Amino acid sequence: MSVDLAVVVAGVGAAGAGLSAATAVWNSVRERTAFARGAESAFHRSRETASEEPSFDVFFSYSAADSKGFARELAEALQHQGVRVWLDEDQVRVGENIYAKLGEGLNASRYGLVILSPQFLDGDWAQQELKALLEREGEQKTYLLPVLHGVSHDEVFRYAPELAMKRALSSDVETVEEIAEDVAKIARP
């Protein structure tokens, strides 16, 4: 994080930008750092209290920009296939700690389905979820199921090479129903 800040501050200084630009950059860095610390802390707390048997088949990780369209359609198609889906819109209530609920959702799920869209690749929040999913996969507690939505394999490789090494489903090639069928074959109990 300090390297990012040094580069950004140097760039702001070199460009002769005013104090408001430097303040905005500093606030952005501070917010990302606070997010990462809060998410990691809540994730680890919920991991300690996780039950042995997962109560969900698939944890959905996606950009909020995709929530009303593709992500919701895919979640509903999976539920129609008998897959138990953890979707934040359905599981996190107003006033609840989002970080803690995400950690609980990760721990309660056998698979992590990641919808890789342009918005996902640009989002800080999504990066934290992906980091947690990759950590769990490394511990062999959750397995990642990548779904490309409006992005190429090359874009995914530049974003996260470890994801590019996995066979992914793609909304450019398959319909929502076909993707749901493929995921259900793997994830359904």
N, C-alpha and C. Protein backbone atom coordinates (compact mmCIF):
# COMPACT_ATOMS: atom_id res chain seq x y z
N MET A 1 0.83 -1.19 0.00
CA MET A 1 0.00 0.00 0.00
C MET A 1 0.87 1.25 0.00
N SER A 2 1.98 1.25 0.72
CA SER A 2 2.83 2.43 0.78
C SER A 2 3.42 2.75 -0.58
N VAL A 3 3.71 1.75 -1.41
CA VAL A 3 4.22 2.00 -2.74
C VAL A 3 3.17 2.72 -3.57
N ASP A 4 1.92 2.26 -3.49
CA ASP A 4 0.83 2.93 -4.22
C ASP A 4 0.74 4.39 -3.81
N LEU A 5 0.80 4.64 -2.52
CA LEU A 5 0.67 6.00 -2.01
C LEU A 5 1.83 6.85 -2.48
N ALA A 6 3.05 6.33 -2.43
CA ALA A 6 4.21 7.09 -2.86
C ALA A 6 4.11 7.44 -4.34
N VAL A 7 3.71 6.50 -5.16
CA VAL A 7 3.57 6.74 -6.59
C VAL A 7 2.49 7.79 -6.84
N VAL A 8 1.36 7.64 -6.17
CA VAL A 8 0.25 8.57 -6.36
C VAL A 8 0.64 9.97 -5.91
N VAL A 9 1.26 10.09 -4.73
CA VAL A 9 1.65 11.40 -4.22
C VAL A 9 2.68 12.03 -5.13
N ALA A 10 3.66 11.24 -5.61
CA ALA A 10 4.65 11.78 -6.53
C ALA A 10 3.98 12.25 -7.81
N GLY A 11 3.03 11.47 -8.31
CA GLY A 11 2.32 11.86 -9.52
C GLY A 11 1.51 13.12 -9.33
N VAL A 12 0.87 13.25 -8.19
CA VAL A 12 0.09 14.46 -7.91
C VAL A 12 1.00 15.66 -7.82
N GLY A 13 2.14 15.49 -7.13
CA GLY A 13 3.09 16.60 -6.99
C GLY A 13 3.67 16.99 -8.33
N ALA A 14 4.02 16.01 -9.14
CA ALA A 14 4.62 16.28 -10.44
C ALA A 14 3.64 16.97 -11.37
N ALA A 15 2.40 16.65 -11.25
CA ALA A 15 1.39 17.24 -12.13
C ALA A 15 1.00 18.63 -11.65
N GLY A 16 1.45 19.01 -10.46
CA GLY A 16 1.11 20.33 -9.94
C GLY A 16 -0.33 20.43 -9.51
N ALA A 17 -0.95 19.32 -9.17
CA ALA A 17 -2.35 19.33 -8.76
C ALA A 17 -2.49 19.98 -7.40
N GLY A 18 -3.65 20.50 -7.13
CA GLY A 18 -3.91 21.20 -5.88
C GLY A 18 -4.09 20.26 -4.70
N LEU A 19 -4.27 20.86 -3.55
CA LEU A 19 -4.43 20.12 -2.31
C LEU A 19 -5.66 19.22 -2.35
N SER A 20 -6.74 19.65 -3.02
CA SER A 20 -7.95 18.84 -3.04
C SER A 20 -7.72 17.51 -3.76
N ALA A 21 -6.93 17.47 -4.81
CA ALA A 21 -6.64 16.22 -5.51
C ALA A 21 -5.82 15.29 -4.62
N ALA A 22 -4.82 15.84 -3.95
CA ALA A 22 -4.00 15.02 -3.04
C ALA A 22 -4.85 14.50 -1.89
N THR A 23 -5.74 15.32 -1.39
CA THR A 23 -6.62 14.90 -0.29
C THR A 23 -7.54 13.78 -0.75
N ALA A 24 -8.08 13.89 -1.95
CA ALA A 24 -8.97 12.85 -2.48
C ALA A 24 -8.22 11.53 -2.63
N VAL A 25 -6.99 11.61 -3.13
CA VAL A 25 -6.18 10.39 -3.29
C VAL A 25 -5.89 9.78 -1.93
N TRP A 26 -5.48 10.62 -0.98
CA TRP A 26 -5.18 10.13 0.37
C TRP A 26 -6.42 9.47 0.99
N ASN A 27 -7.58 10.09 0.85
CA ASN A 27 -8.81 9.52 1.41
C ASN A 27 -9.13 8.18 0.76
N SER A 28 -8.90 8.06 -0.55
CA SER A 28 -9.15 6.80 -1.24
C SER A 28 -8.24 5.70 -0.70
N VAL A 29 -6.97 6.01 -0.53
CA VAL A 29 -6.01 5.03 0.00
C VAL A 29 -6.40 4.65 1.43
N ARG A 30 -6.76 5.63 2.25
CA ARG A 30 -7.18 5.36 3.63
C ARG A 30 -8.40 4.47 3.67
N GLU A 31 -9.38 4.74 2.81
CA GLU A 31 -10.60 3.94 2.78
C GLU A 31 -10.30 2.50 2.36
N ARG A 32 -9.44 2.31 1.36
CA ARG A 32 -9.10 0.95 0.93
C ARG A 32 -8.37 0.19 2.03
N THR A 33 -7.49 0.89 2.75
CA THR A 33 -6.75 0.25 3.85
C THR A 33 -7.71 -0.14 4.96
N ALA A 34 -8.62 0.74 5.31
CA ALA A 34 -9.60 0.44 6.36
C ALA A 34 -10.50 -0.71 5.94
N PHE A 35 -10.90 -0.71 4.68
CA PHE A 35 -11.73 -1.80 4.18
C PHE A 35 -11.00 -3.13 4.32
N ALA A 36 -9.76 -3.18 3.86
CA ALA A 36 -8.99 -4.42 3.90
C ALA A 36 -8.83 -4.92 5.33
N ARG A 37 -8.52 -4.02 6.26
CA ARG A 37 -8.36 -4.43 7.65
C ARG A 37 -9.67 -4.93 8.24
N GLY A 38 -10.75 -4.22 7.96
CA GLY A 38 -12.06 -4.62 8.49
C GLY A 38 -12.52 -5.94 7.92
N ALA A 39 -12.34 -6.12 6.61
CA ALA A 39 -12.77 -7.36 5.96
C ALA A 39 -11.95 -8.54 6.47
N GLU A 40 -10.65 -8.35 6.60
CA GLU A 40 -9.80 -9.45 7.06
C GLU A 40 -10.14 -9.82 8.49
N SER A 41 -10.34 -8.84 9.34
CA SER A 41 -10.69 -9.11 10.74
C SER A 41 -12.02 -9.84 10.86
N ALA A 42 -13.03 -9.36 10.15
CA ALA A 42 -14.35 -10.00 10.21
C ALA A 42 -14.30 -11.39 9.61
N PHE A 43 -13.55 -11.55 8.52
CA PHE A 43 -13.44 -12.86 7.88
C PHE A 43 -12.84 -13.87 8.85
N HIS A 44 -11.75 -13.48 9.52
CA HIS A 44 -11.10 -14.41 10.44
C HIS A 44 -11.97 -14.70 11.66
N ARG A 45 -12.69 -13.71 12.16
CA ARG A 45 -13.60 -13.95 13.30
C ARG A 45 -14.67 -14.94 12.92
N SER A 46 -15.27 -14.78 11.74
CA SER A 46 -16.35 -15.68 11.34
C SER A 46 -15.80 -17.06 11.01
N ARG A 47 -14.57 -17.16 10.55
CA ARG A 47 -13.95 -18.45 10.26
C ARG A 47 -13.84 -19.28 11.53
N GLU A 48 -13.53 -18.63 12.64
CA GLU A 48 -13.35 -19.35 13.90
C GLU A 48 -14.65 -19.99 14.38
N THR A 49 -15.78 -19.42 13.98
CA THR A 49 -17.07 -19.93 14.45
C THR A 49 -17.82 -20.70 13.37
N ALA A 50 -17.14 -21.02 12.26
CA ALA A 50 -17.81 -21.70 11.14
C ALA A 50 -18.20 -23.12 11.53
N SER A 51 -19.35 -23.55 11.02
CA SER A 51 -19.80 -24.91 11.28
C SER A 51 -19.05 -25.87 10.34
N GLU A 52 -19.08 -27.15 10.66
CA GLU A 52 -18.38 -28.15 9.87
C GLU A 52 -19.04 -28.35 8.51
N GLU A 53 -20.35 -28.47 8.48
CA GLU A 53 -21.08 -28.75 7.24
C GLU A 53 -21.58 -27.46 6.61
N PRO A 54 -21.15 -27.14 5.39
CA PRO A 54 -21.61 -25.91 4.73
C PRO A 54 -23.13 -25.91 4.53
N SER A 55 -23.75 -24.77 4.77
CA SER A 55 -25.19 -24.68 4.59
C SER A 55 -25.55 -24.10 3.21
N PHE A 56 -24.55 -23.66 2.46
CA PHE A 56 -24.77 -23.16 1.10
C PHE A 56 -23.85 -23.91 0.15
N ASP A 57 -24.30 -24.06 -1.07
CA ASP A 57 -23.47 -24.70 -2.09
C ASP A 57 -22.54 -23.70 -2.75
N VAL A 58 -23.07 -22.50 -3.03
CA VAL A 58 -22.32 -21.51 -3.80
C VAL A 58 -22.42 -20.12 -3.16
N PHE A 59 -21.26 -19.51 -2.92
CA PHE A 59 -21.16 -18.11 -2.49
C PHE A 59 -20.94 -17.28 -3.74
N PHE A 60 -21.75 -16.26 -3.92
CA PHE A 60 -21.63 -15.39 -5.10
C PHE A 60 -20.74 -14.20 -4.79
N SER A 61 -19.70 -14.02 -5.61
CA SER A 61 -18.85 -12.84 -5.55
C SER A 61 -18.99 -12.12 -6.88
N TYR A 62 -19.41 -10.87 -6.82
CA TYR A 62 -19.71 -10.13 -8.05
C TYR A 62 -19.69 -8.64 -7.75
N SER A 63 -19.69 -7.84 -8.78
CA SER A 63 -19.77 -6.40 -8.63
C SER A 63 -21.22 -6.00 -8.41
N ALA A 64 -21.42 -5.02 -7.55
CA ALA A 64 -22.78 -4.53 -7.31
C ALA A 64 -23.43 -4.04 -8.60
N ALA A 65 -22.62 -3.58 -9.54
CA ALA A 65 -23.16 -3.11 -10.82
C ALA A 65 -23.82 -4.25 -11.61
N ASP A 66 -23.44 -5.49 -11.30
CA ASP A 66 -24.01 -6.65 -11.99
C ASP A 66 -25.16 -7.29 -11.22
N SER A 67 -25.52 -6.74 -10.07
CA SER A 67 -26.46 -7.42 -9.17
C SER A 67 -27.90 -7.48 -9.69
N LYS A 68 -28.35 -6.47 -10.38
CA LYS A 68 -29.75 -6.48 -10.85
C LYS A 68 -29.93 -7.24 -12.15
N GLY A 69 -28.85 -7.52 -12.83
CA GLY A 69 -28.94 -8.23 -14.10
C GLY A 69 -28.40 -9.63 -14.01
N PHE A 70 -27.21 -9.81 -14.55
CA PHE A 70 -26.64 -11.14 -14.72
C PHE A 70 -26.51 -11.93 -13.41
N ALA A 71 -26.00 -11.31 -12.37
CA ALA A 71 -25.79 -12.04 -11.10
C ALA A 71 -27.11 -12.55 -10.54
N ARG A 72 -28.13 -11.71 -10.54
CA ARG A 72 -29.43 -12.12 -10.00
C ARG A 72 -30.03 -13.23 -10.88
N GLU A 73 -29.94 -13.07 -12.20
CA GLU A 73 -30.48 -14.09 -13.11
C GLU A 73 -29.80 -15.44 -12.89
N LEU A 74 -28.47 -15.42 -12.75
CA LEU A 74 -27.73 -16.66 -12.55
C LEU A 74 -28.06 -17.28 -11.20
N ALA A 75 -28.16 -16.46 -10.16
CA ALA A 75 -28.53 -16.98 -8.84
C ALA A 75 -29.90 -17.65 -8.88
N GLU A 76 -30.86 -17.02 -9.53
CA GLU A 76 -32.20 -17.60 -9.62
C GLU A 76 -32.20 -18.89 -10.45
N ALA A 77 -31.42 -18.91 -11.54
CA ALA A 77 -31.34 -20.12 -12.36
C ALA A 77 -30.71 -21.27 -11.56
N LEU A 78 -29.70 -20.96 -10.74
CA LEU A 78 -29.07 -21.98 -9.90
C LEU A 78 -30.05 -22.49 -8.83
N GLN A 79 -30.79 -21.58 -8.22
CA GLN A 79 -31.77 -21.99 -7.22
C GLN A 79 -32.83 -22.88 -7.84
N HIS A 80 -33.22 -22.58 -9.07
CA HIS A 80 -34.17 -23.41 -9.80
C HIS A 80 -33.61 -24.81 -10.03
N GLN A 81 -32.28 -24.93 -10.11
CA GLN A 81 -31.60 -26.21 -10.30
C GLN A 81 -31.39 -26.94 -8.96
N GLY A 82 -31.83 -26.33 -7.86
CA GLY A 82 -31.68 -26.97 -6.55
C GLY A 82 -30.39 -26.63 -5.83
N VAL A 83 -29.67 -25.61 -6.30
CA VAL A 83 -28.42 -25.18 -5.68
C VAL A 83 -28.73 -24.14 -4.61
N ARG A 84 -28.14 -24.34 -3.43
CA ARG A 84 -28.32 -23.39 -2.33
C ARG A 84 -27.31 -22.25 -2.51
N VAL A 85 -27.82 -21.04 -2.80
CA VAL A 85 -26.99 -19.90 -3.17
C VAL A 85 -26.90 -18.90 -2.03
N TRP A 86 -25.67 -18.45 -1.73
CA TRP A 86 -25.46 -17.35 -0.78
C TRP A 86 -25.25 -16.10 -1.61
N LEU A 87 -26.23 -15.21 -1.57
CA LEU A 87 -26.18 -13.95 -2.31
C LEU A 87 -26.38 -12.84 -1.29
N ASP A 88 -25.47 -11.89 -1.25
CA ASP A 88 -25.53 -10.86 -0.21
C ASP A 88 -26.88 -10.14 -0.15
N GLU A 89 -27.50 -9.90 -1.29
CA GLU A 89 -28.79 -9.22 -1.29
C GLU A 89 -29.84 -9.98 -0.48
N ASP A 90 -29.70 -11.30 -0.43
CA ASP A 90 -30.65 -12.14 0.29
C ASP A 90 -30.23 -12.40 1.73
N GLN A 91 -28.95 -12.28 2.03
CA GLN A 91 -28.44 -12.71 3.33
C GLN A 91 -28.04 -11.59 4.28
N VAL A 92 -27.74 -10.40 3.78
CA VAL A 92 -27.30 -9.29 4.64
C VAL A 92 -28.46 -8.32 4.81
N ARG A 93 -28.86 -8.15 6.05
CA ARG A 93 -29.97 -7.24 6.35
C ARG A 93 -29.46 -5.85 6.69
N VAL A 94 -30.31 -4.88 6.56
CA VAL A 94 -29.96 -3.51 6.89
C VAL A 94 -29.45 -3.44 8.33
N GLY A 95 -28.32 -2.79 8.52
CA GLY A 95 -27.74 -2.61 9.84
C GLY A 95 -26.74 -3.68 10.24
N GLU A 96 -26.67 -4.79 9.48
CA GLU A 96 -25.72 -5.85 9.82
C GLU A 96 -24.33 -5.50 9.30
N ASN A 97 -23.32 -6.04 9.95
CA ASN A 97 -21.94 -5.82 9.56
C ASN A 97 -21.66 -6.60 8.28
N ILE A 98 -21.43 -5.88 7.20
CA ILE A 98 -21.25 -6.51 5.90
C ILE A 98 -20.03 -7.42 5.90
N TYR A 99 -18.92 -6.95 6.47
CA TYR A 99 -17.70 -7.75 6.49
C TYR A 99 -17.93 -9.08 7.19
N ALA A 100 -18.56 -9.02 8.35
CA ALA A 100 -18.81 -10.25 9.11
C ALA A 100 -19.74 -11.19 8.36
N LYS A 101 -20.78 -10.64 7.74
CA LYS A 101 -21.72 -11.48 7.00
C LYS A 101 -21.05 -12.13 5.78
N LEU A 102 -20.18 -11.38 5.10
CA LEU A 102 -19.45 -11.97 3.98
C LEU A 102 -18.56 -13.11 4.45
N GLY A 103 -17.89 -12.90 5.56
CA GLY A 103 -17.05 -13.97 6.12
C GLY A 103 -17.87 -15.19 6.48
N GLU A 104 -19.03 -14.96 7.08
CA GLU A 104 -19.92 -16.08 7.42
C GLU A 104 -20.37 -16.80 6.15
N GLY A 105 -20.71 -16.01 5.13
CA GLY A 105 -21.16 -16.61 3.87
C GLY A 105 -20.07 -17.45 3.22
N LEU A 106 -18.85 -16.94 3.22
CA LEU A 106 -17.73 -17.70 2.67
C LEU A 106 -17.54 -19.01 3.42
N ASN A 107 -17.59 -18.93 4.72
CA ASN A 107 -17.37 -20.12 5.55
C ASN A 107 -18.51 -21.12 5.45
N ALA A 108 -19.69 -20.66 5.10
CA ALA A 108 -20.86 -21.53 5.03
C ALA A 108 -21.09 -22.10 3.64
N SER A 109 -20.13 -21.86 2.71
CA SER A 109 -20.32 -22.27 1.31
C SER A 109 -19.22 -23.21 0.85
N ARG A 110 -19.61 -24.16 0.02
CA ARG A 110 -18.65 -25.13 -0.52
C ARG A 110 -17.89 -24.57 -1.72
N TYR A 111 -18.53 -23.73 -2.50
CA TYR A 111 -17.92 -23.16 -3.70
C TYR A 111 -18.06 -21.66 -3.68
N GLY A 112 -17.11 -21.00 -4.32
CA GLY A 112 -17.19 -19.56 -4.52
C GLY A 112 -17.29 -19.27 -6.00
N LEU A 113 -18.44 -18.80 -6.45
CA LEU A 113 -18.64 -18.45 -7.84
C LEU A 113 -18.28 -16.98 -8.01
N VAL A 114 -17.32 -16.70 -8.87
CA VAL A 114 -16.85 -15.34 -9.08
C VAL A 114 -17.27 -14.90 -10.48
N ILE A 115 -18.10 -13.86 -10.53
CA ILE A 115 -18.52 -13.29 -11.81
C ILE A 115 -17.52 -12.20 -12.16
N LEU A 116 -16.66 -12.50 -13.11
CA LEU A 116 -15.61 -11.58 -13.52
C LEU A 116 -16.13 -10.70 -14.65
N SER A 117 -16.49 -9.48 -14.31
CA SER A 117 -17.00 -8.51 -15.28
C SER A 117 -16.06 -7.31 -15.27
N PRO A 118 -16.21 -6.39 -16.20
CA PRO A 118 -15.37 -5.18 -16.17
C PRO A 118 -15.50 -4.44 -14.84
N GLN A 119 -16.70 -4.38 -14.29
CA GLN A 119 -16.93 -3.69 -13.02
C GLN A 119 -16.25 -4.43 -11.87
N PHE A 120 -16.26 -5.76 -11.92
CA PHE A 120 -15.59 -6.55 -10.88
C PHE A 120 -14.09 -6.26 -10.90
N LEU A 121 -13.50 -6.28 -12.09
CA LEU A 121 -12.07 -6.09 -12.21
C LEU A 121 -11.63 -4.70 -11.77
N ASP A 122 -12.54 -3.73 -11.79
CA ASP A 122 -12.22 -2.36 -11.37
C ASP A 122 -12.53 -2.09 -9.90
N GLY A 123 -13.18 -3.02 -9.19
CA GLY A 123 -13.66 -2.72 -7.84
C GLY A 123 -12.75 -3.19 -6.72
N ASP A 124 -12.57 -2.34 -5.71
CA ASP A 124 -11.79 -2.70 -4.53
C ASP A 124 -12.49 -3.77 -3.70
N TRP A 125 -13.80 -3.64 -3.56
CA TRP A 125 -14.57 -4.58 -2.75
C TRP A 125 -14.42 -5.99 -3.30
N ALA A 126 -14.59 -6.11 -4.59
CA ALA A 126 -14.50 -7.41 -5.25
C ALA A 126 -13.11 -8.02 -5.06
N GLN A 127 -12.08 -7.20 -5.09
CA GLN A 127 -10.73 -7.70 -4.90
C GLN A 127 -10.57 -8.33 -3.52
N GLN A 128 -11.20 -7.75 -2.52
CA GLN A 128 -11.11 -8.31 -1.16
C GLN A 128 -11.84 -9.65 -1.08
N GLU A 129 -13.00 -9.74 -1.69
CA GLU A 129 -13.72 -11.02 -1.71
C GLU A 129 -12.90 -12.08 -2.43
N LEU A 130 -12.33 -11.71 -3.56
CA LEU A 130 -11.52 -12.65 -4.32
C LEU A 130 -10.32 -13.11 -3.50
N LYS A 131 -9.68 -12.20 -2.81
CA LYS A 131 -8.54 -12.56 -1.97
C LYS A 131 -8.96 -13.59 -0.92
N ALA A 132 -10.10 -13.37 -0.29
CA ALA A 132 -10.59 -14.31 0.73
C ALA A 132 -10.93 -15.66 0.11
N LEU A 133 -11.54 -15.65 -1.08
CA LEU A 133 -11.87 -16.91 -1.75
C LEU A 133 -10.61 -17.68 -2.14
N LEU A 134 -9.61 -16.98 -2.63
CA LEU A 134 -8.36 -17.65 -3.00
C LEU A 134 -7.67 -18.22 -1.77
N GLU A 135 -7.75 -17.50 -0.66
CA GLU A 135 -7.17 -18.00 0.59
C GLU A 135 -7.87 -19.28 1.02
N ARG A 136 -9.19 -19.29 0.96
CA ARG A 136 -9.95 -20.47 1.35
C ARG A 136 -9.68 -21.63 0.39
N GLU A 137 -9.53 -21.32 -0.89
CA GLU A 137 -9.24 -22.38 -1.84
C GLU A 137 -7.87 -23.00 -1.53
N GLY A 138 -6.92 -22.16 -1.17
CA GLY A 138 -5.60 -22.66 -0.80
C GLY A 138 -5.67 -23.59 0.40
N GLU A 139 -6.63 -23.36 1.27
CA GLU A 139 -6.83 -24.23 2.44
C GLU A 139 -7.75 -25.40 2.11
N GLN A 140 -8.19 -25.47 0.87
CA GLN A 140 -9.10 -26.51 0.37
C GLN A 140 -10.42 -26.53 1.14
N LYS A 141 -10.93 -25.33 1.43
CA LYS A 141 -12.22 -25.22 2.12
C LYS A 141 -13.32 -24.75 1.18
N THR A 142 -12.96 -24.05 0.14
CA THR A 142 -13.91 -23.55 -0.85
C THR A 142 -13.21 -23.62 -2.20
N TYR A 143 -13.95 -23.98 -3.23
CA TYR A 143 -13.36 -24.04 -4.55
C TYR A 143 -13.96 -22.97 -5.43
N LEU A 144 -13.10 -22.34 -6.23
CA LEU A 144 -13.51 -21.23 -7.08
C LEU A 144 -14.09 -21.70 -8.40
N LEU A 145 -15.20 -21.09 -8.79
CA LEU A 145 -15.84 -21.35 -10.07
C LEU A 145 -15.92 -20.02 -10.81
N PRO A 146 -14.98 -19.73 -11.71
CA PRO A 146 -15.00 -18.45 -12.42
C PRO A 146 -16.01 -18.42 -13.57
N VAL A 147 -16.70 -17.30 -13.67
CA VAL A 147 -17.63 -17.05 -14.77
C VAL A 147 -17.25 -15.71 -15.39
N LEU A 148 -16.88 -15.74 -16.66
CA LEU A 148 -16.53 -14.51 -17.37
C LEU A 148 -17.81 -13.86 -17.90
N HIS A 149 -17.92 -12.57 -17.65
CA HIS A 149 -19.11 -11.84 -18.10
C HIS A 149 -18.66 -10.50 -18.69
N GLY A 150 -18.45 -10.51 -20.01
CA GLY A 150 -18.03 -9.27 -20.68
C GLY A 150 -16.55 -8.99 -20.57
N VAL A 151 -15.76 -9.99 -20.19
CA VAL A 151 -14.30 -9.83 -20.14
C VAL A 151 -13.66 -11.02 -20.87
N SER A 152 -12.45 -10.79 -21.34
CA SER A 152 -11.72 -11.84 -22.05
C SER A 152 -10.80 -12.60 -21.09
N HIS A 153 -10.35 -13.74 -21.55
CA HIS A 153 -9.39 -14.53 -20.79
C HIS A 153 -8.12 -13.72 -20.54
N ASP A 154 -7.68 -12.95 -21.53
CA ASP A 154 -6.48 -12.12 -21.37
C ASP A 154 -6.66 -11.08 -20.28
N GLU A 155 -7.83 -10.47 -20.21
CA GLU A 155 -8.09 -9.48 -19.16
C GLU A 155 -8.04 -10.13 -17.79
N VAL A 156 -8.59 -11.33 -17.68
CA VAL A 156 -8.56 -12.06 -16.41
C VAL A 156 -7.12 -12.40 -16.06
N PHE A 157 -6.33 -12.81 -17.04
CA PHE A 157 -4.93 -13.15 -16.79
C PHE A 157 -4.17 -11.94 -16.23
N ARG A 158 -4.41 -10.77 -16.79
CA ARG A 158 -3.73 -9.56 -16.30
C ARG A 158 -4.19 -9.20 -14.89
N TYR A 159 -5.44 -9.49 -14.58
CA TYR A 159 -6.01 -9.16 -13.27
C TYR A 159 -5.58 -10.16 -12.20
N ALA A 160 -5.71 -11.43 -12.49
CA ALA A 160 -5.40 -12.49 -11.52
C ALA A 160 -4.97 -13.75 -12.27
N PRO A 161 -3.68 -13.91 -12.50
CA PRO A 161 -3.21 -15.07 -13.27
C PRO A 161 -3.68 -16.41 -12.70
N GLU A 162 -3.82 -16.50 -11.38
CA GLU A 162 -4.25 -17.76 -10.80
C GLU A 162 -5.67 -18.13 -11.22
N LEU A 163 -6.51 -17.15 -11.52
CA LEU A 163 -7.86 -17.43 -12.03
C LEU A 163 -7.81 -17.84 -13.50
N ALA A 164 -6.89 -17.27 -14.24
CA ALA A 164 -6.78 -17.58 -15.66
C ALA A 164 -6.35 -19.03 -15.90
N MET A 165 -5.79 -19.66 -14.88
CA MET A 165 -5.36 -21.05 -15.00
C MET A 165 -6.52 -22.02 -14.82
N LYS A 166 -7.67 -21.51 -14.45
CA LYS A 166 -8.85 -22.35 -14.24
C LYS A 166 -9.75 -22.31 -15.47
N ARG A 167 -10.41 -23.40 -15.73
CA ARG A 167 -11.42 -23.40 -16.78
C ARG A 167 -12.58 -22.54 -16.29
N ALA A 168 -12.97 -21.62 -17.11
CA ALA A 168 -14.06 -20.70 -16.74
C ALA A 168 -15.24 -20.89 -17.68
N LEU A 169 -16.41 -20.58 -17.16
CA LEU A 169 -17.60 -20.49 -17.99
C LEU A 169 -17.70 -19.06 -18.49
N SER A 170 -18.39 -18.84 -19.58
CA SER A 170 -18.47 -17.49 -20.13
C SER A 170 -19.87 -17.19 -20.64
N SER A 171 -20.38 -16.01 -20.25
CA SER A 171 -21.70 -15.59 -20.72
C SER A 171 -21.66 -15.19 -22.19
N ASP A 172 -20.46 -15.07 -22.76
CA ASP A 172 -20.34 -14.79 -24.19
C ASP A 172 -20.58 -16.05 -25.02
N VAL A 173 -20.44 -17.21 -24.38
CA VAL A 173 -20.54 -18.49 -25.07
C VAL A 173 -21.79 -19.26 -24.66
N GLU A 174 -22.18 -19.16 -23.39
CA GLU A 174 -23.30 -19.92 -22.86
C GLU A 174 -24.40 -18.99 -22.33
N THR A 175 -25.62 -19.48 -22.34
CA THR A 175 -26.72 -18.73 -21.76
C THR A 175 -26.66 -18.86 -20.24
N VAL A 176 -27.43 -18.04 -19.55
CA VAL A 176 -27.52 -18.12 -18.09
C VAL A 176 -27.94 -19.52 -17.67
N GLU A 177 -28.92 -20.09 -18.36
CA GLU A 177 -29.42 -21.42 -18.02
C GLU A 177 -28.34 -22.48 -18.21
N GLU A 178 -27.56 -22.38 -19.29
CA GLU A 178 -26.48 -23.34 -19.53
C GLU A 178 -25.39 -23.24 -18.47
N ILE A 179 -25.05 -22.02 -18.09
CA ILE A 179 -24.06 -21.82 -17.03
C ILE A 179 -24.58 -22.42 -15.73
N ALA A 180 -25.85 -22.17 -15.41
CA ALA A 180 -26.44 -22.71 -14.20
C ALA A 180 -26.42 -24.24 -14.20
N GLU A 181 -26.70 -24.85 -15.34
CA GLU A 181 -26.65 -26.31 -15.44
C GLU A 181 -25.25 -26.85 -15.17
N ASP A 182 -24.24 -26.18 -15.78
CA ASP A 182 -22.86 -26.60 -15.58
C ASP A 182 -22.43 -26.47 -14.11
N VAL A 183 -22.79 -25.36 -13.49
CA VAL A 183 -22.43 -25.13 -12.08
C VAL A 183 -23.18 -26.12 -11.19
N ALA A 184 -24.45 -26.35 -11.49
CA ALA A 184 -25.27 -27.26 -10.66
C ALA A 184 -24.69 -28.68 -10.67
N LYS A 185 -24.13 -29.12 -11.79
CA LYS A 185 -23.53 -30.46 -11.86
C LYS A 185 -22.40 -30.61 -10.85
N ILE A 186 -21.71 -29.53 -10.59
CA ILE A 186 -20.59 -29.55 -9.66
C ILE A 186 -21.04 -29.27 -8.23
N ALA A 187 -21.90 -28.29 -8.07
CA ALA A 187 -22.19 -27.75 -6.74
C ALA A 187 -23.36 -28.38 -6.00
N ARG A 188 -24.26 -28.97 -6.72
CA ARG A 188 -25.45 -29.54 -6.07
C ARG A 188 -25.05 -30.68 -5.15
N PRO A 189 -25.63 -30.72 -3.96
CA PRO A 189 -25.27 -31.79 -3.01
C PRO A 189 -25.73 -33.15 -3.50
